[in-house]
């Protein structure tokens, strides 16, 4: 029997590797000779770098960059040298968790550090980039990132515009004459599951600005400035489209990647699965195990377990999911490729106890044992 395990992290509890190991240990108790492959999983957000680096025996790189408020920090990303591939999470340099509540102000926060990460990877010979852009503290349209890569955004006096969304207001001219020449050799694949345009009622300023510290007045101003930025971009790249679904991701970084770096926005889970090579493992598996910390009625909307299930159904595989908790509406997952799902908590307990790493590991292992005991009985009966 071959079983492929690809479980997303139980956030705050088990990592994707720990969850996979727990399920594997349980299966081995029932089928000691089972061929088990653990494929690390992420949905393009937190854990993406770890998942891809682990699956490809890559390595981690650290570089000093500017954080959203201009402080020097150490950001980590992954590289797979033989594929000239860099895997990044923009939140490592421009994430909202990097700054205090008092520093949350999208007028000032910048994506400059993301550009510094990219530039560092270019110097190491990387030419393919997979970048997750969730969790940003910014609303600068990706201009800070582009400035770090040599693009010029100048005001009416020919000076560089300041960092942050406030710099968008002052842009009079945009030039790519001094951009890093190595960018023309690169491919950018952006993990993005939001569909917001750059501007308007569903744009990044209105929908995500408040959580980044924007007031109502800021939202109106930033939306206007981003529209102006998009108009100027059109002069440089007539194919640019500020209404493209996802262009508003990460405060407009989705737009910057597409319009200036030729980037492609892709489903996060599909990108991760492509880079980890899980499809080859699924093809000849008897069972596929997936899961995440919580399965609910929204899990089918771009979440990692459903991505695994859909890929598995391409080859007619049986898919079983384990989860820390499930809601009443989680049954919709059965309509999207998960044949059966099982919550792992065995008895009433506090959330703290349920999320305790040791408890969660034991519970997941025990649940896998019972599920595969049932599979063994059914196989004997048939």
Protein backbone atom coordinates (compact mmCIF):
# COMPACT_ATOMS: atom_id res chain seq x y z
CA UNK A 1 0.00 0.00 0.00
CA UNK A 2 1.22 3.48 -0.88
CA UNK A 3 -0.06 6.52 0.98
CA UNK A 4 0.78 10.12 0.15
CA UNK A 5 0.38 12.52 3.07
CA UNK A 6 0.07 16.26 2.50
CA UNK A 7 -1.38 18.03 5.53
CA UNK A 8 -1.28 21.80 5.98
CA UNK A 9 0.00 23.08 9.32
CA UNK A 10 -2.31 23.16 12.31
CA UNK A 11 -1.44 26.81 12.98
CA UNK A 12 -0.19 27.38 16.49
CA UNK A 13 0.16 23.64 17.00
CA UNK A 14 1.66 21.22 14.45
CA UNK A 15 3.78 22.14 11.44
CA UNK A 16 3.07 20.48 8.10
CA UNK A 17 5.99 18.10 8.79
CA UNK A 18 4.80 17.22 12.30
CA UNK A 19 1.23 16.62 11.16
CA UNK A 20 2.48 14.41 8.34
CA UNK A 21 4.70 12.44 10.71
CA UNK A 22 1.84 11.90 13.16
CA UNK A 23 -0.41 10.50 10.43
CA UNK A 24 2.44 8.37 9.13
CA UNK A 25 3.12 6.89 12.58
CA UNK A 26 -0.54 5.97 12.90
CA UNK A 27 -0.71 4.30 9.50
CA UNK A 28 2.49 2.35 10.21
CA UNK A 29 0.91 0.83 13.32
CA UNK A 30 -1.70 -0.77 11.09
CA UNK A 31 0.33 -1.28 7.91
CA UNK A 32 4.01 -1.55 8.96
CA UNK A 33 5.12 -2.15 5.39
CA UNK A 34 3.21 0.75 3.87
CA UNK A 35 5.10 2.98 1.45
CA UNK A 36 4.43 6.42 2.90
CA UNK A 37 5.44 9.70 1.29
CA UNK A 38 5.12 12.90 3.32
CA UNK A 39 4.83 15.93 1.06
CA UNK A 40 5.02 19.26 2.92
CA UNK A 41 2.07 21.52 2.19
CA UNK A 42 1.19 25.21 2.29
CA UNK A 43 -1.32 27.43 0.52
CA UNK A 44 1.06 30.16 -0.61
CA UNK A 45 1.06 31.95 2.73
CA UNK A 46 2.93 31.15 5.90
CA UNK A 47 4.98 27.97 5.52
CA UNK A 48 5.40 28.20 1.75
CA UNK A 49 9.16 28.64 1.89
CA UNK A 50 9.57 25.74 4.32
CA UNK A 51 7.38 23.45 2.22
CA UNK A 52 9.19 24.04 -1.07
CA UNK A 53 12.69 24.05 0.42
CA UNK A 54 12.06 20.78 2.25
CA UNK A 55 10.58 19.02 -0.76
CA UNK A 56 13.48 20.00 -3.02
CA UNK A 57 16.35 19.73 -0.51
CA UNK A 58 16.96 23.43 -0.91
CA UNK A 59 18.62 25.82 1.50
CA UNK A 60 17.78 28.95 3.43
CA UNK A 61 19.33 32.34 2.86
CA UNK A 62 19.23 35.35 5.19
CA UNK A 63 19.70 38.93 4.07
CA UNK A 64 19.53 42.32 5.77
CA UNK A 65 16.63 44.39 4.44
CA UNK A 66 14.47 47.34 5.41
CA UNK A 67 11.23 46.44 7.15
CA UNK A 68 7.95 48.31 6.47
CA UNK A 69 9.03 51.31 8.56
CA UNK A 70 12.62 51.39 7.35
CA UNK A 71 14.34 49.52 10.15
CA UNK A 72 17.06 47.01 9.25
CA UNK A 73 16.01 43.42 9.89
CA UNK A 74 17.07 39.95 8.79
CA UNK A 75 14.75 38.35 6.24
CA UNK A 76 14.90 34.68 5.29
CA UNK A 77 14.00 33.02 2.00
CA UNK A 78 14.77 29.74 0.25
CA UNK A 79 16.74 28.79 -2.84
CA UNK A 80 16.97 25.62 -4.91
CA UNK A 81 20.22 26.11 -6.76
CA UNK A 82 19.85 23.45 -9.43
CA UNK A 83 16.60 25.09 -10.58
CA UNK A 84 17.78 28.68 -10.11
CA UNK A 85 14.66 29.06 -7.97
CA UNK A 86 14.04 31.46 -5.11
CA UNK A 87 11.02 30.99 -2.84
CA UNK A 88 9.92 33.95 -0.77
CA UNK A 89 7.17 35.25 1.45
CA UNK A 90 6.87 39.00 1.12
CA UNK A 91 5.81 39.12 4.75
CA UNK A 92 9.42 38.33 5.70
CA UNK A 93 10.30 41.89 4.70
CA UNK A 94 7.01 43.81 4.55
CA UNK A 95 4.68 41.84 6.79
CA UNK A 96 2.22 43.41 9.19
CA UNK A 97 3.54 41.25 12.03
CA UNK A 98 6.92 42.98 11.77
CA UNK A 99 5.66 46.25 13.19
CA UNK A 100 3.79 47.36 16.30
CA UNK A 101 0.20 48.58 16.27
CA UNK A 102 1.48 52.10 16.82
CA UNK A 103 3.53 51.93 13.62
CA UNK A 104 0.68 50.74 11.42
CA UNK A 105 0.22 53.51 8.88
CA UNK A 106 0.04 52.66 5.17
CA UNK A 107 0.99 56.22 4.27
CA UNK A 108 4.48 55.36 5.54
CA UNK A 109 4.95 51.61 5.23
CA UNK A 110 6.96 50.37 2.27
CA UNK A 111 7.65 47.22 0.26
CA UNK A 112 11.26 48.28 -0.35
CA UNK A 113 12.59 45.29 1.62
CA UNK A 114 10.88 42.84 -0.75
CA UNK A 115 12.85 44.34 -3.62
CA UNK A 116 16.02 43.96 -1.57
CA UNK A 117 15.27 40.25 -1.09
CA UNK A 118 14.74 39.82 -4.82
CA UNK A 119 17.96 41.69 -5.59
CA UNK A 120 19.89 39.45 -3.21
CA UNK A 121 18.50 36.35 -4.93
CA UNK A 122 19.47 37.78 -8.32
CA UNK A 123 23.05 38.14 -7.10
CA UNK A 124 23.00 34.45 -6.19
CA UNK A 125 21.98 33.45 -9.72
CA UNK A 126 18.29 32.87 -9.09
CA UNK A 127 16.07 33.59 -12.08
CA UNK A 128 12.79 31.91 -11.20
CA UNK A 129 10.78 33.29 -8.28
CA UNK A 130 7.83 31.90 -6.36
CA UNK A 131 6.57 34.57 -4.00
CA UNK A 132 3.69 34.51 -1.53
CA UNK A 133 2.26 37.99 -0.99
CA UNK A 134 -0.09 37.56 1.95
CA UNK A 135 0.02 39.49 5.23
CA UNK A 136 1.40 42.82 4.03
CA UNK A 137 1.61 45.99 6.12
CA UNK A 138 1.64 48.13 3.00
CA UNK A 139 -0.51 49.95 0.46
CA UNK A 140 2.18 51.42 -1.77
CA UNK A 141 1.26 49.59 -4.98
CA UNK A 142 4.57 47.72 -4.84
CA UNK A 143 6.41 50.93 -5.68
CA UNK A 144 8.89 50.47 -2.83
CA UNK A 145 9.83 47.04 -4.16
CA UNK A 146 10.26 48.45 -7.66
CA UNK A 147 12.42 51.31 -6.37
CA UNK A 148 14.78 48.79 -4.79
CA UNK A 149 15.03 47.09 -8.20
CA UNK A 150 16.03 50.28 -10.02
CA UNK A 151 12.72 51.63 -11.31
CA UNK A 152 12.49 55.41 -10.96
CA UNK A 153 9.41 57.15 -9.59
CA UNK A 154 9.99 60.89 -9.54
CA UNK A 155 8.08 64.00 -8.54
CA UNK A 156 7.65 67.22 -10.48
CA UNK A 157 11.18 68.30 -9.46
CA UNK A 158 12.75 65.07 -10.65
CA UNK A 159 13.37 63.76 -7.14
CA UNK A 160 12.57 60.22 -5.99
CA UNK A 161 9.17 60.07 -4.33
CA UNK A 162 9.13 59.10 -0.63
CA UNK A 163 8.36 55.61 0.59
CA UNK A 164 4.85 54.53 1.49
CA UNK A 165 1.46 55.28 -0.03
CA UNK A 166 2.11 58.99 0.45
CA UNK A 167 4.74 58.72 -2.30
CA UNK A 168 2.08 57.70 -4.82
CA UNK A 169 0.52 61.14 -4.65
CA UNK A 170 3.73 62.75 -5.84
CA UNK A 171 4.55 60.53 -8.82
CA UNK A 172 4.85 62.56 -12.02
CA UNK A 173 7.12 60.32 -14.02
CA UNK A 174 8.02 56.62 -14.11
CA UNK A 175 11.10 55.17 -15.83
CA UNK A 176 12.48 51.68 -16.20
CA UNK A 177 15.71 52.83 -17.86
CA UNK A 178 17.78 52.03 -14.77
CA UNK A 179 16.01 48.86 -13.66
CA UNK A 180 18.17 45.86 -12.79
CA UNK A 181 18.99 44.34 -16.19
CA UNK A 182 18.86 40.81 -14.74
CA UNK A 183 15.10 41.13 -14.33
CA UNK A 184 14.62 40.52 -18.05
CA UNK A 185 15.94 36.97 -17.51
CA UNK A 186 13.46 36.21 -14.73
CA UNK A 187 10.09 34.52 -14.25
CA UNK A 188 7.86 35.56 -11.36
CA UNK A 189 5.04 33.35 -10.10
CA UNK A 190 2.97 35.00 -7.40
CA UNK A 191 0.88 33.03 -4.92
CA UNK A 192 -2.31 35.03 -4.73
CA UNK A 193 -5.81 33.85 -3.86
CA UNK A 194 -7.58 37.19 -3.43
CA UNK A 195 -9.43 38.66 -6.40
CA UNK A 196 -9.54 42.35 -5.52
CA UNK A 197 -8.73 44.95 -8.17
CA UNK A 198 -6.27 47.73 -7.44
CA UNK A 199 -8.83 50.50 -6.95
CA UNK A 200 -12.49 51.11 -6.23
CA UNK A 201 -14.99 49.82 -3.70
CA UNK A 202 -13.38 46.38 -3.74
CA UNK A 203 -9.83 47.68 -4.15
CA UNK A 204 -6.97 47.20 -1.73
CA UNK A 205 -7.35 50.56 0.04
CA UNK A 206 -11.02 50.08 0.89
CA UNK A 207 -10.96 46.37 1.73
CA UNK A 208 -7.59 45.92 3.43
CA UNK A 209 -6.56 49.45 4.38
CA UNK A 210 -8.30 49.53 7.77
CA UNK A 211 -6.42 46.52 9.11
CA UNK A 212 -3.18 48.26 8.15
CA UNK A 213 -4.05 51.41 10.09
CA UNK A 214 -5.85 53.47 7.42
CA UNK A 215 -8.48 56.00 8.40
CA UNK A 216 -11.45 56.81 6.16
CA UNK A 217 -9.68 59.89 4.81
CA UNK A 218 -6.55 57.84 4.08
CA UNK A 219 -8.60 55.25 2.22
CA UNK A 220 -10.10 57.85 -0.10
CA UNK A 221 -6.72 59.47 -0.75
CA UNK A 222 -4.86 56.22 -1.32
CA UNK A 223 -7.48 54.94 -3.72
CA UNK A 224 -7.18 58.13 -5.76
CA UNK A 225 -3.38 57.99 -5.73
CA UNK A 226 -3.33 54.34 -6.80
CA UNK A 227 -5.61 55.19 -9.72
CA UNK A 228 -3.17 57.94 -10.73
CA UNK A 229 -0.28 55.45 -10.42
CA UNK A 230 -2.15 52.98 -12.62
CA UNK A 231 -2.72 55.66 -15.28
CA UNK A 232 0.99 56.51 -15.37
CA UNK A 233 1.88 52.82 -15.51
CA UNK A 234 -0.32 52.49 -18.58
CA UNK A 235 2.00 54.88 -20.41
CA UNK A 236 4.94 52.60 -19.68
CA UNK A 237 3.08 49.33 -20.22
CA UNK A 238 -0.11 49.61 -22.22
CA UNK A 239 -1.02 46.02 -21.31
CA UNK A 240 -1.17 46.79 -17.58
CA UNK A 241 -4.59 46.19 -16.05
CA UNK A 242 -5.48 47.58 -12.63
CA UNK A 243 -8.81 45.74 -12.76
CA UNK A 244 -7.26 42.31 -13.15
CA UNK A 245 -8.39 40.04 -10.29
CA UNK A 246 -5.67 40.06 -7.67
CA UNK A 247 -4.01 43.29 -8.77
CA UNK A 248 -5.00 44.73 -5.39
CA UNK A 249 -3.33 41.92 -3.44
CA UNK A 250 -0.85 43.02 -0.77
CA UNK A 251 -1.69 46.68 -1.15
CA UNK A 252 -1.22 46.64 -4.91
CA UNK A 253 1.84 44.43 -5.05
CA UNK A 254 -0.05 42.07 -7.34
CA UNK A 255 -0.37 44.92 -9.84
CA UNK A 256 3.34 45.78 -9.57
CA UNK A 257 4.44 42.22 -10.26
CA UNK A 258 2.21 41.92 -13.32
CA UNK A 259 2.74 45.37 -14.82
CA UNK A 260 6.46 45.79 -14.18
CA UNK A 261 7.98 42.31 -13.78
CA UNK A 262 5.78 40.20 -16.06
CA UNK A 263 4.58 38.19 -13.08
CA UNK A 264 1.76 35.65 -13.15
CA UNK A 265 -0.75 35.48 -10.32
CA UNK A 266 -1.58 31.88 -9.44
CA UNK A 267 -3.48 29.93 -6.81
CA UNK A 268 -1.18 29.53 -3.83
CA UNK A 269 -1.86 25.85 -3.29
CA UNK A 270 -1.45 25.05 -7.00
CA UNK A 271 1.91 26.82 -7.06
CA UNK A 272 3.14 24.97 -3.98
CA UNK A 273 1.97 21.59 -5.28
CA UNK A 274 3.68 22.20 -8.60
CA UNK A 275 6.97 23.07 -6.92
CA UNK A 276 6.88 20.17 -4.44
CA UNK A 277 6.12 17.60 -7.16
CA UNK A 278 3.28 15.99 -5.22
CA UNK A 279 1.39 15.04 -8.38
CA UNK A 280 3.97 12.38 -9.25
CA UNK A 281 3.52 10.84 -5.82
CA UNK A 282 -0.28 10.89 -5.97
CA UNK A 283 -0.42 9.09 -9.32
CA UNK A 284 0.43 5.66 -7.92
CA UNK A 285 -0.93 6.09 -4.38
CA UNK A 286 -3.72 4.00 -2.90
CA UNK A 287 -4.79 6.72 -0.47
CA UNK A 288 -4.11 10.43 -0.11
CA UNK A 289 -4.18 12.02 3.35
CA UNK A 290 -4.65 15.76 3.76
CA UNK A 291 -6.06 18.19 6.32
CA UNK A 292 -5.56 21.41 8.26
CA UNK A 293 -6.26 22.85 11.68
CA UNK A 294 -9.91 23.62 10.94
CA UNK A 295 -12.23 22.41 8.20
CA UNK A 296 -15.31 24.52 7.58
CA UNK A 297 -17.68 25.70 4.90
CA UNK A 298 -15.03 28.07 3.52
CA UNK A 299 -12.30 25.45 3.17
CA UNK A 300 -13.17 24.76 -0.45
CA UNK A 301 -12.33 28.36 -1.40
CA UNK A 302 -8.63 28.05 -2.18
CA UNK A 303 -7.58 26.18 0.95
CA UNK A 304 -4.76 23.65 0.75
CA UNK A 305 -6.70 20.40 1.54
CA UNK A 306 -9.17 21.03 -1.27
CA UNK A 307 -6.32 21.69 -3.67
CA UNK A 308 -4.83 18.32 -2.75
CA UNK A 309 -8.22 16.65 -3.07
CA UNK A 310 -8.90 18.08 -6.52
CA UNK A 311 -5.50 16.97 -7.79
CA UNK A 312 -6.06 13.51 -6.29
CA UNK A 313 -9.44 13.14 -7.99
CA UNK A 314 -7.71 13.72 -11.31
CA UNK A 315 -6.32 10.22 -10.75
CA UNK A 316 -9.38 8.77 -9.01
CA UNK A 317 -7.75 8.51 -5.58
CA UNK A 318 -9.49 8.15 -2.22
CA UNK A 319 -8.91 11.26 -0.10
CA UNK A 320 -9.11 11.33 3.69
CA UNK A 321 -8.71 14.51 5.74
CA UNK A 322 -7.76 15.00 9.39
CA UNK A 323 -8.50 18.25 11.17
CA UNK A 324 -8.18 19.75 14.61
CA UNK A 325 -11.80 20.86 14.42
CA UNK A 326 -14.67 20.77 11.96
CA UNK A 327 -17.82 22.87 11.72
CA UNK A 328 -21.35 21.83 10.83
CA UNK A 329 -21.00 23.23 7.32
CA UNK A 330 -17.73 21.39 6.62
CA UNK A 331 -19.74 18.70 4.80
CA UNK A 332 -19.41 20.85 1.70
CA UNK A 333 -15.82 19.55 1.52
CA UNK A 334 -17.26 16.17 0.51
CA UNK A 335 -18.50 17.84 -2.66
CA UNK A 336 -14.99 19.05 -3.48
CA UNK A 337 -12.95 15.85 -3.42
CA UNK A 338 -12.57 14.95 0.25
CA UNK A 339 -14.22 11.54 0.62
CA UNK A 340 -14.26 11.59 4.42
CA UNK A 341 -12.89 13.85 7.14
CA UNK A 342 -12.20 13.21 10.81
CA UNK A 343 -11.72 15.64 13.71
CA UNK A 344 -8.88 14.42 15.91
CA UNK A 345 -9.94 15.67 19.35
CA UNK A 346 -11.12 12.64 21.33
CA UNK A 347 -12.80 14.25 24.34
CA UNK A 348 -13.99 17.66 25.56
CA UNK A 349 -11.01 19.85 26.43
CA UNK A 350 -9.83 23.44 26.36
CA UNK A 351 -8.54 24.99 23.15
CA UNK A 352 -5.16 25.32 24.84
CA UNK A 353 -5.05 21.58 25.54
CA UNK A 354 -6.24 20.72 22.03
CA UNK A 355 -3.51 22.86 20.47
CA UNK A 356 -0.77 21.58 22.73
CA UNK A 357 1.78 20.11 20.32
CA UNK A 358 2.19 16.80 22.16
CA UNK A 359 -1.57 16.32 22.53
CA UNK A 360 -2.27 17.20 18.91
CA UNK A 361 0.41 14.78 17.69
CA UNK A 362 -0.99 11.93 19.79
CA UNK A 363 -4.57 12.70 18.75
CA UNK A 364 -3.74 12.82 15.06
CA UNK A 365 -1.75 9.59 15.27
CA UNK A 366 -4.55 7.84 17.16
CA UNK A 367 -7.17 8.99 14.66
CA UNK A 368 -5.05 7.69 11.76
CA UNK A 369 -4.75 4.33 13.51
CA UNK A 370 -8.52 3.96 13.81
CA UNK A 371 -9.23 5.08 10.25
CA UNK A 372 -6.74 2.60 8.83
CA UNK A 373 -8.00 -0.14 11.14
CA UNK A 374 -11.36 0.36 9.44
CA UNK A 375 -9.73 0.32 6.01
CA UNK A 376 -7.98 -2.95 6.91
CA UNK A 377 -11.25 -4.58 8.02
CA UNK A 378 -13.05 -3.49 4.86
CA UNK A 379 -10.23 -4.79 2.68
CA UNK A 380 -10.40 -8.17 4.39
CA UNK A 381 -14.16 -8.31 3.92
CA UNK A 382 -13.86 -7.64 0.19
